[in-house]
Amino acid sequence: MNIDEVILHPLMTESASLMVERDNKLIFIVNLNATKADVKRAVEALYEVKVDKVTVQITPQGEKKAFVKLKPEYKASDVAIKLGIL
């Protein structure tokens, strides 16, 4: 899958901002056909960070939500500021 098609948009809610600060995680709404490997590759290429772990879940609205935990040497807050969501 093309990396431009994987990530639809970042998600920022109150609980997501807590995850950025506390767990070094970012949350994205991604393409339903995207795999965890696709999400990892896209985040690493687009935001120039290293991903530790990706977990996904399908929301009741039918969207796929990806929780992306960054490696400790990278700060999720820096990426969130660059994206303009924090």
N, C-alpha and C. Protein backbone atom coordinates (compact mmCIF):
# COMPACT_ATOMS: atom_id res chain seq x y z
N MET A 1 0.84 -1.18 0.00
CA MET A 1 0.00 0.00 0.00
C MET A 1 0.89 1.25 0.00
N ASN A 2 0.51 2.24 -0.79
CA ASN A 2 1.24 3.50 -0.90
C ASN A 2 1.16 4.27 0.43
N ILE A 3 2.28 4.82 0.90
CA ILE A 3 2.27 5.49 2.21
C ILE A 3 1.36 6.70 2.26
N ASP A 4 1.09 7.31 1.12
CA ASP A 4 0.18 8.47 1.10
C ASP A 4 -1.27 8.06 1.31
N GLU A 5 -1.59 6.80 1.09
CA GLU A 5 -2.96 6.31 1.25
C GLU A 5 -3.24 5.72 2.62
N VAL A 6 -2.20 5.49 3.40
CA VAL A 6 -2.35 4.78 4.68
C VAL A 6 -2.99 5.67 5.74
N ILE A 7 -2.37 6.81 6.04
CA ILE A 7 -2.84 7.69 7.11
C ILE A 7 -3.84 8.69 6.55
N LEU A 8 -5.06 8.67 7.09
CA LEU A 8 -6.08 9.62 6.65
C LEU A 8 -5.94 10.94 7.39
N HIS A 9 -5.84 10.90 8.73
CA HIS A 9 -5.62 12.11 9.52
C HIS A 9 -5.29 11.74 10.96
N PRO A 10 -4.59 12.65 11.66
CA PRO A 10 -4.32 12.41 13.09
C PRO A 10 -5.58 12.65 13.91
N LEU A 11 -5.65 12.03 15.05
CA LEU A 11 -6.81 12.18 15.93
C LEU A 11 -6.34 12.80 17.24
N MET A 12 -6.97 13.89 17.65
CA MET A 12 -6.59 14.52 18.91
C MET A 12 -7.84 14.76 19.73
N THR A 13 -7.95 13.99 20.79
CA THR A 13 -9.01 14.16 21.78
C THR A 13 -8.32 14.40 23.12
N GLU A 14 -9.10 14.56 24.15
CA GLU A 14 -8.52 14.76 25.47
C GLU A 14 -7.71 13.53 25.90
N SER A 15 -8.26 12.35 25.68
CA SER A 15 -7.53 11.14 26.06
C SER A 15 -6.32 10.92 25.15
N ALA A 16 -6.41 11.33 23.90
CA ALA A 16 -5.28 11.20 22.99
C ALA A 16 -4.13 12.11 23.42
N SER A 17 -4.46 13.32 23.89
CA SER A 17 -3.41 14.22 24.35
C SER A 17 -2.73 13.68 25.60
N LEU A 18 -3.46 12.98 26.44
CA LEU A 18 -2.85 12.32 27.60
C LEU A 18 -1.89 11.22 27.16
N MET A 19 -2.28 10.48 26.12
CA MET A 19 -1.40 9.41 25.61
C MET A 19 -0.12 9.99 25.02
N VAL A 20 -0.23 11.14 24.37
CA VAL A 20 0.96 11.79 23.82
C VAL A 20 1.93 12.11 24.95
N GLU A 21 1.44 12.70 26.01
CA GLU A 21 2.30 13.11 27.12
C GLU A 21 2.79 11.93 27.96
N ARG A 22 1.89 11.02 28.30
CA ARG A 22 2.21 9.96 29.25
C ARG A 22 2.85 8.73 28.61
N ASP A 23 2.31 8.29 27.45
CA ASP A 23 2.73 7.02 26.86
C ASP A 23 3.59 7.16 25.61
N ASN A 24 3.85 8.39 25.16
CA ASN A 24 4.62 8.63 23.94
C ASN A 24 3.94 7.99 22.73
N LYS A 25 2.60 8.13 22.66
CA LYS A 25 1.81 7.54 21.58
C LYS A 25 1.10 8.62 20.79
N LEU A 26 0.93 8.34 19.50
CA LEU A 26 0.13 9.17 18.61
C LEU A 26 -1.02 8.33 18.10
N ILE A 27 -2.14 8.97 17.81
CA ILE A 27 -3.30 8.24 17.30
C ILE A 27 -3.67 8.80 15.93
N PHE A 28 -3.87 7.88 14.98
CA PHE A 28 -4.23 8.25 13.62
C PHE A 28 -5.46 7.46 13.18
N ILE A 29 -6.28 8.08 12.34
CA ILE A 29 -7.31 7.35 11.62
C ILE A 29 -6.65 6.90 10.32
N VAL A 30 -6.70 5.60 10.05
CA VAL A 30 -5.99 5.05 8.90
C VAL A 30 -6.97 4.33 7.96
N ASN A 31 -6.47 4.02 6.79
CA ASN A 31 -7.24 3.29 5.78
C ASN A 31 -7.64 1.92 6.35
N LEU A 32 -8.87 1.51 6.08
CA LEU A 32 -9.35 0.22 6.60
C LEU A 32 -8.52 -0.96 6.09
N ASN A 33 -7.90 -0.81 4.93
CA ASN A 33 -7.11 -1.90 4.36
C ASN A 33 -5.65 -1.89 4.81
N ALA A 34 -5.26 -0.89 5.59
CA ALA A 34 -3.87 -0.77 6.02
C ALA A 34 -3.55 -1.77 7.12
N THR A 35 -2.39 -2.39 7.02
CA THR A 35 -1.93 -3.32 8.06
C THR A 35 -1.07 -2.55 9.06
N LYS A 36 -0.72 -3.22 10.17
CA LYS A 36 0.16 -2.59 11.16
C LYS A 36 1.50 -2.22 10.52
N ALA A 37 2.01 -3.10 9.66
CA ALA A 37 3.29 -2.83 9.00
C ALA A 37 3.17 -1.62 8.08
N ASP A 38 2.04 -1.47 7.38
CA ASP A 38 1.82 -0.30 6.53
C ASP A 38 1.83 0.98 7.36
N VAL A 39 1.15 0.95 8.50
CA VAL A 39 1.07 2.12 9.38
C VAL A 39 2.46 2.48 9.89
N LYS A 40 3.21 1.47 10.34
CA LYS A 40 4.56 1.72 10.85
C LYS A 40 5.44 2.34 9.78
N ARG A 41 5.41 1.78 8.59
CA ARG A 41 6.23 2.29 7.49
C ARG A 41 5.84 3.73 7.12
N ALA A 42 4.54 4.02 7.09
CA ALA A 42 4.06 5.35 6.72
C ALA A 42 4.46 6.39 7.77
N VAL A 43 4.28 6.07 9.05
CA VAL A 43 4.62 7.02 10.12
C VAL A 43 6.12 7.30 10.12
N GLU A 44 6.93 6.25 9.96
CA GLU A 44 8.38 6.44 9.95
C GLU A 44 8.82 7.28 8.76
N ALA A 45 8.20 7.08 7.60
CA ALA A 45 8.58 7.83 6.40
C ALA A 45 8.09 9.27 6.45
N LEU A 46 6.85 9.48 6.88
CA LEU A 46 6.27 10.81 6.84
C LEU A 46 6.77 11.74 7.95
N TYR A 47 7.02 11.19 9.13
CA TYR A 47 7.35 12.03 10.28
C TYR A 47 8.78 11.87 10.78
N GLU A 48 9.60 11.06 10.08
CA GLU A 48 11.02 10.88 10.39
C GLU A 48 11.25 10.49 11.85
N VAL A 49 10.51 9.48 12.31
CA VAL A 49 10.67 8.93 13.66
C VAL A 49 10.78 7.42 13.54
N LYS A 50 11.12 6.76 14.63
CA LYS A 50 11.14 5.30 14.69
C LYS A 50 9.98 4.83 15.55
N VAL A 51 9.23 3.86 15.05
CA VAL A 51 8.04 3.34 15.73
C VAL A 51 8.41 2.10 16.52
N ASP A 52 7.96 2.04 17.76
CA ASP A 52 8.19 0.89 18.62
C ASP A 52 7.10 -0.16 18.40
N LYS A 53 5.83 0.29 18.41
CA LYS A 53 4.71 -0.65 18.36
C LYS A 53 3.48 0.03 17.76
N VAL A 54 2.69 -0.74 17.03
CA VAL A 54 1.43 -0.24 16.47
C VAL A 54 0.32 -1.18 16.89
N THR A 55 -0.76 -0.62 17.43
CA THR A 55 -1.96 -1.40 17.69
C THR A 55 -3.11 -0.71 16.97
N VAL A 56 -4.06 -1.51 16.51
CA VAL A 56 -5.19 -0.95 15.77
C VAL A 56 -6.50 -1.43 16.36
N GLN A 57 -7.53 -0.64 16.12
CA GLN A 57 -8.87 -1.05 16.51
C GLN A 57 -9.86 -0.42 15.54
N ILE A 58 -10.96 -1.12 15.33
CA ILE A 58 -12.04 -0.60 14.50
C ILE A 58 -13.05 0.07 15.43
N THR A 59 -13.38 1.32 15.14
CA THR A 59 -14.32 2.06 15.98
C THR A 59 -15.75 1.65 15.64
N PRO A 60 -16.70 1.95 16.50
CA PRO A 60 -18.11 1.66 16.19
C PRO A 60 -18.61 2.42 14.94
N GLN A 61 -17.92 3.51 14.59
CA GLN A 61 -18.29 4.26 13.39
C GLN A 61 -17.71 3.64 12.13
N GLY A 62 -16.96 2.56 12.26
CA GLY A 62 -16.40 1.86 11.10
C GLY A 62 -15.06 2.40 10.64
N GLU A 63 -14.41 3.22 11.47
CA GLU A 63 -13.09 3.74 11.14
C GLU A 63 -12.03 2.88 11.80
N LYS A 64 -10.84 2.84 11.22
CA LYS A 64 -9.72 2.12 11.82
C LYS A 64 -8.82 3.13 12.50
N LYS A 65 -8.59 2.91 13.80
CA LYS A 65 -7.79 3.80 14.62
C LYS A 65 -6.47 3.09 14.92
N ALA A 66 -5.35 3.77 14.67
CA ALA A 66 -4.03 3.20 14.94
C ALA A 66 -3.37 3.95 16.08
N PHE A 67 -2.93 3.20 17.08
CA PHE A 67 -2.20 3.76 18.21
C PHE A 67 -0.72 3.46 17.94
N VAL A 68 0.08 4.51 17.75
CA VAL A 68 1.48 4.36 17.36
C VAL A 68 2.37 4.79 18.51
N LYS A 69 3.08 3.82 19.09
CA LYS A 69 4.03 4.12 20.18
C LYS A 69 5.39 4.32 19.56
N LEU A 70 5.99 5.48 19.89
CA LEU A 70 7.30 5.81 19.35
C LEU A 70 8.41 5.27 20.24
N LYS A 71 9.59 5.07 19.63
CA LYS A 71 10.76 4.65 20.40
C LYS A 71 11.09 5.75 21.41
N PRO A 72 11.71 5.40 22.55
CA PRO A 72 11.97 6.38 23.62
C PRO A 72 12.79 7.59 23.19
N GLU A 73 13.65 7.43 22.19
CA GLU A 73 14.48 8.58 21.79
C GLU A 73 13.72 9.62 20.97
N TYR A 74 12.48 9.33 20.60
CA TYR A 74 11.63 10.28 19.87
C TYR A 74 10.47 10.71 20.75
N LYS A 75 10.06 11.95 20.65
CA LYS A 75 8.97 12.49 21.46
C LYS A 75 7.71 12.64 20.63
N ALA A 76 6.63 12.02 21.08
CA ALA A 76 5.34 12.14 20.40
C ALA A 76 4.86 13.59 20.43
N SER A 77 5.19 14.31 21.48
CA SER A 77 4.76 15.71 21.58
C SER A 77 5.40 16.56 20.49
N ASP A 78 6.64 16.26 20.12
CA ASP A 78 7.29 17.01 19.03
C ASP A 78 6.57 16.78 17.70
N VAL A 79 6.19 15.53 17.45
CA VAL A 79 5.46 15.22 16.21
C VAL A 79 4.08 15.87 16.24
N ALA A 80 3.41 15.84 17.39
CA ALA A 80 2.08 16.42 17.51
C ALA A 80 2.14 17.94 17.28
N ILE A 81 3.18 18.59 17.77
CA ILE A 81 3.34 20.03 17.55
C ILE A 81 3.59 20.30 16.07
N LYS A 82 4.42 19.45 15.43
CA LYS A 82 4.69 19.61 14.02
C LYS A 82 3.42 19.45 13.17
N LEU A 83 2.52 18.55 13.63
CA LEU A 83 1.25 18.32 12.94
C LEU A 83 0.23 19.42 13.23
N GLY A 84 0.49 20.21 14.27
CA GLY A 84 -0.43 21.28 14.64
C GLY A 84 -1.63 20.79 15.44
N ILE A 85 -1.49 19.66 16.13
CA ILE A 85 -2.62 19.12 16.90
C ILE A 85 -2.41 19.26 18.39
N LEU A 86 -1.29 19.80 18.80
CA LEU A 86 -1.02 19.98 20.24
C LEU A 86 -0.58 21.40 20.51
